[in-house]
Every structure is written in C-alpha cells, then in structure tokens.
Amino acid sequence: MDRKNIIGSEFTIGADAAMVFAFFTDPQRLIRWIGLGTARSRPGEIFVVDINPGWIARGEFKEVVPVTRLACT
C-alpha cells in the first residue's frame, strides 16, 4: 500500500461514547451533523458524505462494534 496517500485523523468529542457512536453510524444523524450523503454502518458498506460543496468524503466501513469501535477507510 502506498502510505503517502493515507490521511489519519484523531480528535476528541465532548459527549458520551453512545451518543458519538450514534452520530457516526445512524445515517440520518450523520447527514444532519455533517452534510448530505449516504451511509449504512455495516462492514463492507460504502459511505459518501458531502461535507462542503465539492468536498466529498467516501470510504468503506471495515469494523463496526457498537459503542466501542468504528473502523473505516
């Protein structure tokens, strides 16, 4: 894998784990929070979110363990 094309991000959100997990995995909450898009939070599912006009985030859910782990590309 070409490591120069990988972007990592880590941040802290001031809310409990269940609330944060819900906003990353519930399509309606994710869209309300971040922007327009599609998402189903199951391993192998693709998500697409239009963060700002012209700024599209796209990836694949790799691992979804309720409230404890969410891994995506």
Protein backbone atom coordinates (compact mmCIF):
# COMPACT_ATOMS: atom_id res chain seq x y z
CA MET A 1 0.00 0.00 0.00
CA ASP A 2 1.25 3.48 -0.89
CA ARG A 3 1.44 5.19 2.52
CA LYS A 4 1.78 8.70 1.04
CA ASN A 5 -1.94 8.65 0.10
CA ILE A 6 -3.16 7.85 3.62
CA ILE A 7 -4.66 10.52 5.83
CA GLY A 8 -5.19 9.91 9.53
CA SER A 9 -7.27 11.89 11.94
CA GLU A 10 -7.80 11.72 15.68
CA PHE A 11 -9.95 14.05 17.73
CA THR A 12 -11.90 14.24 20.98
CA ILE A 13 -15.63 14.97 21.12
CA GLY A 14 -17.16 16.20 24.37
CA ALA A 15 -20.02 13.67 24.58
CA ASP A 16 -20.54 10.14 25.87
CA ALA A 17 -19.48 7.21 23.67
CA ALA A 18 -23.03 6.05 22.85
CA MET A 19 -24.03 9.49 21.55
CA VAL A 20 -20.90 9.88 19.43
CA PHE A 21 -21.25 6.36 18.02
CA ALA A 22 -24.88 7.08 17.11
CA PHE A 23 -23.92 10.21 15.16
CA PHE A 24 -21.27 8.30 13.17
CA THR A 25 -23.46 5.26 12.44
CA ASP A 26 -27.05 6.49 12.11
CA PRO A 27 -27.42 7.82 8.52
CA GLN A 28 -29.97 10.50 9.48
CA ARG A 29 -27.85 11.81 12.36
CA LEU A 30 -24.65 11.72 10.28
CA ILE A 31 -26.27 13.71 7.48
CA ARG A 32 -27.80 16.21 9.93
CA TRP A 33 -24.42 16.67 11.63
CA ILE A 34 -22.00 16.68 8.68
CA GLY A 35 -23.94 17.20 5.46
CA LEU A 36 -25.66 15.42 2.61
CA GLY A 37 -24.76 11.83 1.89
CA THR A 38 -25.48 8.15 2.24
CA ALA A 39 -24.29 5.68 4.83
CA ARG A 40 -25.18 2.28 6.26
CA SER A 41 -22.92 1.35 9.12
CA ARG A 42 -22.23 -2.30 8.39
CA PRO A 43 -18.87 -3.83 7.48
CA GLY A 44 -18.38 -3.68 3.72
CA GLU A 45 -20.86 -0.82 3.21
CA ILE A 46 -19.70 2.34 1.44
CA PHE A 47 -20.38 5.81 2.83
CA VAL A 48 -20.41 9.07 0.89
CA VAL A 49 -20.79 12.42 2.63
CA ASP A 50 -20.76 15.88 1.04
CA ILE A 51 -19.07 17.84 3.82
CA ASN A 52 -18.96 21.14 1.90
CA PRO A 53 -19.86 21.76 -1.75
CA GLY A 54 -17.12 19.99 -3.65
CA TRP A 55 -15.58 18.29 -0.59
CA ILE A 56 -16.72 14.67 -0.70
CA ALA A 57 -15.71 12.09 1.91
CA ARG A 58 -16.01 8.48 0.74
CA GLY A 59 -14.96 5.27 2.41
CA GLU A 60 -15.89 1.79 3.49
CA PHE A 61 -16.88 0.60 6.94
CA LYS A 62 -14.38 -2.10 7.93
CA GLU A 63 -15.40 -2.86 11.51
CA VAL A 64 -18.47 -1.81 13.49
CA VAL A 65 -18.68 -2.81 17.16
CA PRO A 66 -21.47 -0.80 18.83
CA VAL A 67 -20.20 1.99 21.07
CA THR A 68 -16.62 0.67 21.25
CA ARG A 69 -15.11 0.56 17.75
CA LEU A 70 -15.75 2.05 14.32
CA ALA A 71 -13.11 1.49 11.66
CA CYS A 72 -13.42 2.76 8.11
CA THR A 73 -11.25 3.65 5.15
